Amino acid sequence: MKVAVYLPAAEKIQWWVDMLKGLLPGWDVVSLEDVGNPDAVDYAVVWRPRSGDLARFPNLRAIVSIGAGIDHVLADAKLPAQVPIIRTVGSDLTQRMREYVALHVLRHHRDMPRQLRAQSERDWHAIVVPVAPRRTVGVMGLGNLGTAAAQTLAGLGFATRGWARSSKVIEGVDCHSGPEGFARFLDGCEILVNLLPLTDATRGIMDAALFERLPQGACVINCARGPHLVDDDLLAALDSGHIKQATLDVFHQEPLPQDHPFWTHPAITVTPHVASQIDAATGGRIIAANLLEFAKTGTCKDVADAARGY
């Protein structure tokens, strides 16, 4: 079996190639740039492939996304039709998302940005906040990562609610679904966490209309995809004071351009797409297991539904 690997960060490609070689003995694993005979490639392991990269391989059996989302693969206008796309998900990645969401919800809940400003001003300022059961936190998107995040927040005692495209039942979480449940979900939501998949229906969902539905002083966290957010609408909501703080891990363009106003806005915390970061050791084990299963059976549990976009 021959596997071609591509990431935009050229310095990381060999890292992934070496890791997968060790996990797939007998397989031929190379950088996509080093493929000599495109007809021989069976699988492509990619993050943000360039348009036309995958169309080079006429005998491609499956495409592996180095991540839980497949939107970056579907963005290729020349993507070969009917080739299965395999997501990369697993307990380590879910745990990292649990940690990230818990960390930043607690930061906003306890108003740590204000506390840090007080320290810089040598201001002995005791900030009093309600206990977690009196704080309403909402999670948009109740897939693997969203469900785990919502369960973690409920376990911390927050009044946790969730919203998804279809109906869900999660212990300790007040679940809403569909367009008819969206307004009820947002009403009174003091901290909003976005973990939706990126689809045509969810692109730009974090816009002025959504922010207006949140209560005065709400906080937002986006750790799904940058295009979920309308950047200018968030800046306007922050500058008006309606939204108090925001934590952003994902952006329309990554790395975030040096001149982007998010870097310097006093109410925004920027993190460099690390909420559920995949390293070659963790991701390699998941990808290798999926490839071995796919090669043996023609499918695996992490094959995505390309029509739905996740």
Protein backbone atom coordinates (compact mmCIF):
# COMPACT_ATOMS: atom_id res chain seq x y z
CA MET A 1 0.00 0.00 0.00
CA LYS A 2 1.26 3.48 -0.83
CA VAL A 3 0.38 6.54 1.27
CA ALA A 4 1.00 10.18 0.31
CA VAL A 5 1.20 12.76 3.13
CA TYR A 6 0.65 16.52 2.89
CA LEU A 7 0.48 19.43 5.35
CA PRO A 8 0.97 23.13 4.57
CA ALA A 9 3.81 23.23 7.14
CA ALA A 10 6.53 21.59 5.07
CA GLU A 11 8.79 21.08 8.08
CA LYS A 12 6.20 18.80 9.70
CA ILE A 13 5.61 16.48 6.73
CA GLN A 14 8.68 14.31 7.35
CA TRP A 15 7.69 14.01 11.01
CA TRP A 16 4.36 12.49 9.97
CA VAL A 17 5.94 10.34 7.25
CA ASP A 18 8.42 8.83 9.70
CA MET A 19 5.74 8.22 12.33
CA LEU A 20 3.39 6.47 9.88
CA LYS A 21 6.22 4.37 8.43
CA GLY A 22 6.87 2.99 11.89
CA LEU A 23 3.19 2.25 12.46
CA LEU A 24 2.53 0.74 9.01
CA PRO A 25 5.36 -1.77 8.43
CA GLY A 26 5.51 -2.90 4.84
CA TRP A 27 3.59 0.15 3.57
CA ASP A 28 5.25 2.79 1.38
CA VAL A 29 4.73 6.18 3.06
CA VAL A 30 6.06 9.30 1.30
CA SER A 31 5.53 13.02 1.12
CA LEU A 32 2.95 13.96 -1.50
CA GLU A 33 5.66 16.01 -3.19
CA ASP A 34 7.86 12.89 -3.53
CA VAL A 35 5.27 10.71 -5.29
CA GLY A 36 6.86 9.39 -8.48
CA ASN A 37 3.95 7.38 -9.88
CA PRO A 38 0.53 8.90 -9.03
CA ASP A 39 -1.22 5.71 -10.17
CA ALA A 40 0.37 3.80 -7.28
CA VAL A 41 -1.06 5.95 -4.47
CA ASP A 42 -3.80 4.15 -2.48
CA TYR A 43 -4.32 6.62 0.38
CA ALA A 44 -3.69 10.32 1.05
CA VAL A 45 -3.21 11.67 4.58
CA VAL A 46 -3.71 15.43 4.45
CA TRP A 47 -4.38 18.70 6.24
CA ARG A 48 -5.63 21.55 4.06
CA PRO A 49 -4.62 20.05 0.71
CA ARG A 50 -4.19 22.44 -2.18
CA SER A 51 -6.77 22.45 -4.95
CA GLY A 52 -5.99 19.60 -7.34
CA ASP A 53 -3.58 17.75 -5.03
CA LEU A 54 -5.87 14.75 -4.59
CA ALA A 55 -7.13 14.68 -8.17
CA ARG A 56 -3.61 13.60 -9.19
CA PHE A 57 -4.24 10.09 -7.84
CA PRO A 58 -6.65 8.09 -10.05
CA ASN A 59 -6.62 4.97 -7.85
CA LEU A 60 -7.16 6.68 -4.49
CA ARG A 61 -9.09 4.41 -2.13
CA ALA A 62 -9.56 6.86 0.76
CA ILE A 63 -8.53 10.30 2.01
CA VAL A 64 -7.57 10.79 5.66
CA SER A 65 -8.16 14.18 7.28
CA ILE A 66 -5.52 15.00 9.91
CA GLY A 67 -8.28 16.31 12.16
CA ALA A 68 -11.86 15.74 13.22
CA GLY A 69 -13.25 18.10 10.56
CA ILE A 70 -13.36 17.41 6.83
CA ASP A 71 -14.26 20.91 5.63
CA HIS A 72 -10.66 21.58 4.57
CA VAL A 73 -10.83 18.53 2.27
CA LEU A 74 -14.27 19.38 0.88
CA ALA A 75 -13.01 22.89 0.06
CA ASP A 76 -11.03 21.43 -2.87
CA ALA A 77 -13.09 22.18 -6.00
CA LYS A 78 -11.27 19.37 -7.80
CA LEU A 79 -11.82 16.77 -5.07
CA PRO A 80 -12.30 13.29 -6.58
CA ALA A 81 -15.95 12.26 -6.27
CA GLN A 82 -17.04 9.26 -4.21
CA VAL A 83 -13.67 8.76 -2.47
CA PRO A 84 -14.33 8.08 1.26
CA ILE A 85 -12.95 10.62 3.73
CA ILE A 86 -11.76 9.34 7.11
CA ARG A 87 -11.82 11.66 10.12
CA THR A 88 -9.13 11.53 12.81
CA VAL A 89 -10.77 11.37 16.22
CA GLY A 90 -9.86 9.61 19.45
CA SER A 91 -9.83 9.75 23.22
CA ASP A 92 -6.63 11.82 23.47
CA LEU A 93 -8.03 14.48 21.14
CA THR A 94 -11.35 14.50 22.97
CA GLN A 95 -9.53 14.90 26.28
CA ARG A 96 -7.61 17.89 24.96
CA MET A 97 -10.85 19.56 23.91
CA ARG A 98 -12.40 18.87 27.32
CA GLU A 99 -9.40 20.58 28.93
CA TYR A 100 -9.47 23.59 26.60
CA VAL A 101 -13.21 24.22 26.97
CA ALA A 102 -13.12 23.77 30.76
CA LEU A 103 -10.10 26.09 31.05
CA HIS A 104 -11.60 28.95 29.07
CA VAL A 105 -15.15 28.63 30.39
CA LEU A 106 -13.70 28.84 33.91
CA ARG A 107 -11.53 31.83 32.86
CA HIS A 108 -14.60 33.70 31.69
CA HIS A 109 -16.75 32.49 34.59
CA ARG A 110 -14.24 33.74 37.18
CA ASP A 111 -13.42 36.85 35.07
CA MET A 112 -9.71 36.11 35.01
CA PRO A 113 -8.94 38.74 32.35
CA ARG A 114 -10.19 41.40 34.80
CA GLN A 115 -8.27 39.77 37.64
CA LEU A 116 -5.04 39.84 35.62
CA ARG A 117 -5.60 43.51 34.80
CA ALA A 118 -6.07 44.18 38.50
CA GLN A 119 -2.74 42.50 39.23
CA SER A 120 -0.97 44.59 36.58
CA GLU A 121 -2.47 47.69 38.25
CA ARG A 122 -1.54 46.46 41.77
CA ASP A 123 -5.25 46.61 42.54
CA TRP A 124 -6.43 44.34 45.37
CA HIS A 125 -9.73 43.72 43.60
CA ALA A 126 -11.90 40.82 44.76
CA ILE A 127 -14.18 39.76 41.90
CA VAL A 128 -17.37 38.09 43.08
CA VAL A 129 -19.10 35.76 40.61
CA PRO A 130 -22.04 33.38 40.98
CA VAL A 131 -21.35 29.73 41.67
CA ALA A 132 -21.31 27.48 38.60
CA PRO A 133 -24.89 26.15 38.94
CA ARG A 134 -26.09 29.76 38.55
CA ARG A 135 -24.08 30.29 35.37
CA THR A 136 -25.65 29.15 32.09
CA VAL A 137 -23.17 27.77 29.56
CA GLY A 138 -24.18 26.62 26.09
CA VAL A 139 -22.37 24.32 23.66
CA MET A 140 -23.25 24.60 19.96
CA GLY A 141 -22.56 21.27 18.28
CA LEU A 142 -23.05 17.97 20.06
CA GLY A 143 -20.85 15.60 18.09
CA ASN A 144 -18.04 13.67 19.78
CA LEU A 145 -16.18 16.77 20.93
CA GLY A 146 -19.24 18.86 21.76
CA THR A 147 -20.84 16.09 23.80
CA ALA A 148 -17.63 15.54 25.75
CA ALA A 149 -17.26 19.27 26.40
CA ALA A 150 -20.87 19.61 27.55
CA GLN A 151 -20.52 16.63 29.90
CA THR A 152 -17.35 18.14 31.37
CA LEU A 153 -19.06 21.48 32.00
CA ALA A 154 -22.06 19.77 33.56
CA GLY A 155 -19.66 17.82 35.77
CA LEU A 156 -18.17 21.11 36.97
CA GLY A 157 -21.64 22.14 38.04
CA PHE A 158 -22.56 24.64 35.33
CA ALA A 159 -26.14 24.96 34.14
CA THR A 160 -25.23 23.39 30.82
CA ARG A 161 -27.28 23.36 27.65
CA GLY A 162 -26.51 22.14 24.14
CA TRP A 163 -27.75 22.67 20.61
CA ALA A 164 -27.42 20.45 17.56
CA ARG A 165 -28.97 19.89 14.16
CA SER A 166 -30.82 16.81 15.39
CA SER A 167 -32.24 15.80 18.76
CA LYS A 168 -29.76 14.59 21.41
CA VAL A 169 -30.06 13.20 24.93
CA ILE A 170 -27.07 13.86 27.23
CA GLU A 171 -27.28 13.35 30.95
CA GLY A 172 -27.02 16.62 32.85
CA VAL A 173 -27.35 18.73 29.69
CA ASP A 174 -30.47 20.61 28.58
CA CYS A 175 -30.49 19.73 24.87
CA HIS A 176 -32.12 21.75 22.09
CA SER A 177 -32.21 21.01 18.37
CA GLY A 178 -33.06 22.38 14.97
CA PRO A 179 -33.95 25.93 13.93
CA GLU A 180 -36.97 25.88 16.23
CA GLY A 181 -34.78 25.27 19.28
CA PHE A 182 -32.03 27.77 18.52
CA ALA A 183 -33.59 30.86 20.07
CA ARG A 184 -34.46 28.96 23.26
CA PHE A 185 -30.91 27.66 23.43
CA LEU A 186 -29.39 31.15 23.14
CA ASP A 187 -31.81 32.85 25.52
CA GLY A 188 -29.93 33.57 28.75
CA CYS A 189 -26.74 31.79 27.63
CA GLU A 190 -23.95 33.63 29.46
CA ILE A 191 -20.98 31.71 28.03
CA LEU A 192 -21.30 30.28 24.52
CA VAL A 193 -18.94 27.59 23.19
CA ASN A 194 -18.91 26.78 19.47
CA LEU A 195 -18.05 23.21 18.45
CA LEU A 196 -20.19 22.92 15.33
CA PRO A 197 -18.94 21.29 12.13
CA LEU A 198 -18.37 23.79 9.33
CA THR A 199 -21.07 23.40 6.68
CA ASP A 200 -22.97 25.75 4.39
CA ALA A 201 -25.65 25.94 7.09
CA THR A 202 -23.23 26.88 9.91
CA ARG A 203 -20.85 29.21 8.06
CA GLY A 204 -21.16 32.68 9.60
CA ILE A 205 -23.51 31.47 12.34
CA MET A 206 -21.69 33.57 14.96
CA ASP A 207 -22.91 36.89 13.65
CA ALA A 208 -24.54 40.08 14.91
CA ALA A 209 -27.97 38.44 15.12
CA LEU A 210 -26.62 35.66 17.36
CA PHE A 211 -24.72 38.08 19.60
CA GLU A 212 -27.84 40.21 20.04
CA ARG A 213 -29.74 37.18 21.31
CA LEU A 214 -27.18 36.58 24.07
CA PRO A 215 -27.58 38.47 27.34
CA GLN A 216 -25.63 41.65 28.03
CA GLY A 217 -22.09 40.78 29.15
CA ALA A 218 -22.00 37.28 27.62
CA CYS A 219 -18.73 35.64 26.62
CA VAL A 220 -18.04 33.54 23.52
CA ILE A 221 -15.52 30.81 22.75
CA ASN A 222 -14.86 29.58 19.22
CA CYS A 223 -12.84 26.38 18.99
CA ALA A 224 -14.48 24.89 15.88
CA ARG A 225 -13.63 26.73 12.63
CA GLY A 226 -12.80 30.33 11.81
CA PRO A 227 -15.50 30.79 9.14
CA HIS A 228 -18.19 30.14 11.76
CA LEU A 229 -17.47 33.66 12.99
CA VAL A 230 -18.19 36.99 11.31
CA ASP A 231 -15.12 38.84 12.57
CA ASP A 232 -16.44 42.39 12.21
CA ASP A 233 -19.68 41.49 13.99
CA LEU A 234 -17.75 40.18 16.98
CA LEU A 235 -15.56 43.29 17.12
CA ALA A 236 -18.64 45.51 17.03
CA ALA A 237 -20.35 43.48 19.77
CA LEU A 238 -17.25 43.69 21.96
CA ASP A 239 -16.76 47.41 21.35
CA SER A 240 -20.40 48.09 22.24
CA GLY A 241 -19.98 46.13 25.48
CA HIS A 242 -22.79 43.70 24.67
CA ILE A 243 -20.26 40.85 24.47
CA LYS A 244 -17.81 41.08 27.35
CA GLN A 245 -14.99 38.75 26.31
CA ALA A 246 -14.08 36.25 23.61
CA THR A 247 -11.63 33.37 23.31
CA LEU A 248 -10.73 32.42 19.74
CA ASP A 249 -8.71 29.37 18.72
CA VAL A 250 -9.60 29.26 15.01
CA PHE A 251 -9.58 31.88 12.26
CA HIS A 252 -10.47 32.54 8.64
CA GLN A 253 -6.77 32.68 7.83
CA GLU A 254 -4.19 30.70 9.80
CA PRO A 255 -1.73 31.72 11.04
CA LEU A 256 -3.69 34.81 12.03
CA PRO A 257 -2.21 37.78 10.08
CA GLN A 258 0.05 40.01 12.14
CA ASP A 259 -2.10 43.08 11.46
CA HIS A 260 -5.40 41.46 12.44
CA PRO A 261 -7.23 43.44 15.18
CA PHE A 262 -7.88 40.27 17.20
CA TRP A 263 -4.23 40.25 18.32
CA THR A 264 -4.49 43.52 20.20
CA HIS A 265 -8.14 43.76 21.22
CA PRO A 266 -8.26 43.96 25.04
CA ALA A 267 -11.32 41.70 25.30
CA ILE A 268 -10.01 38.88 23.05
CA THR A 269 -7.80 35.94 23.95
CA VAL A 270 -6.11 34.38 20.89
CA THR A 271 -4.76 30.82 20.90
CA PRO A 272 -3.09 29.29 17.80
CA HIS A 273 -5.51 26.43 16.90
CA VAL A 274 -4.41 24.25 19.80
CA ALA A 275 -7.71 23.31 21.49
CA SER A 276 -7.54 19.72 20.26
CA GLN A 277 -4.15 19.79 18.60
CA ILE A 278 -3.02 16.61 16.86
CA ASP A 279 0.62 15.60 17.14
CA ALA A 280 2.20 12.90 15.00
CA ALA A 281 2.47 10.41 17.88
CA THR A 282 -1.20 10.62 18.87
CA GLY A 283 -2.65 11.21 15.42
CA GLY A 284 -0.35 8.67 13.80
CA ARG A 285 -1.68 5.84 15.96
CA ILE A 286 -5.28 6.74 15.15
CA ILE A 287 -4.62 7.15 11.43
CA ALA A 288 -2.63 3.92 11.17
CA ALA A 289 -5.37 1.94 12.92
CA ASN A 290 -8.01 3.39 10.59
CA LEU A 291 -5.92 2.69 7.48
CA LEU A 292 -5.26 -0.91 8.50
CA GLU A 293 -8.97 -1.46 9.17
CA PHE A 294 -9.96 0.22 5.88
CA ALA A 295 -7.44 -1.81 3.89
CA LYS A 296 -8.83 -5.01 5.41
CA THR A 297 -12.58 -4.30 5.30
CA GLY A 298 -13.13 -1.40 2.89
CA THR A 299 -14.40 0.87 5.64
CA CYS A 300 -13.80 1.98 9.25
CA LYS A 301 -15.79 3.59 12.04
CA ASP A 302 -14.43 7.09 11.37
CA VAL A 303 -15.54 7.42 7.73
CA ALA A 304 -17.30 10.79 7.45
CA ASP A 305 -20.57 11.61 5.73
CA ALA A 306 -19.33 13.94 3.01
CA ALA A 307 -22.88 14.90 2.02
CA ARG A 308 -23.50 16.29 5.52
CA GLY A 309 -20.00 17.76 5.73
CA TYR A 310 -18.85 15.87 8.86
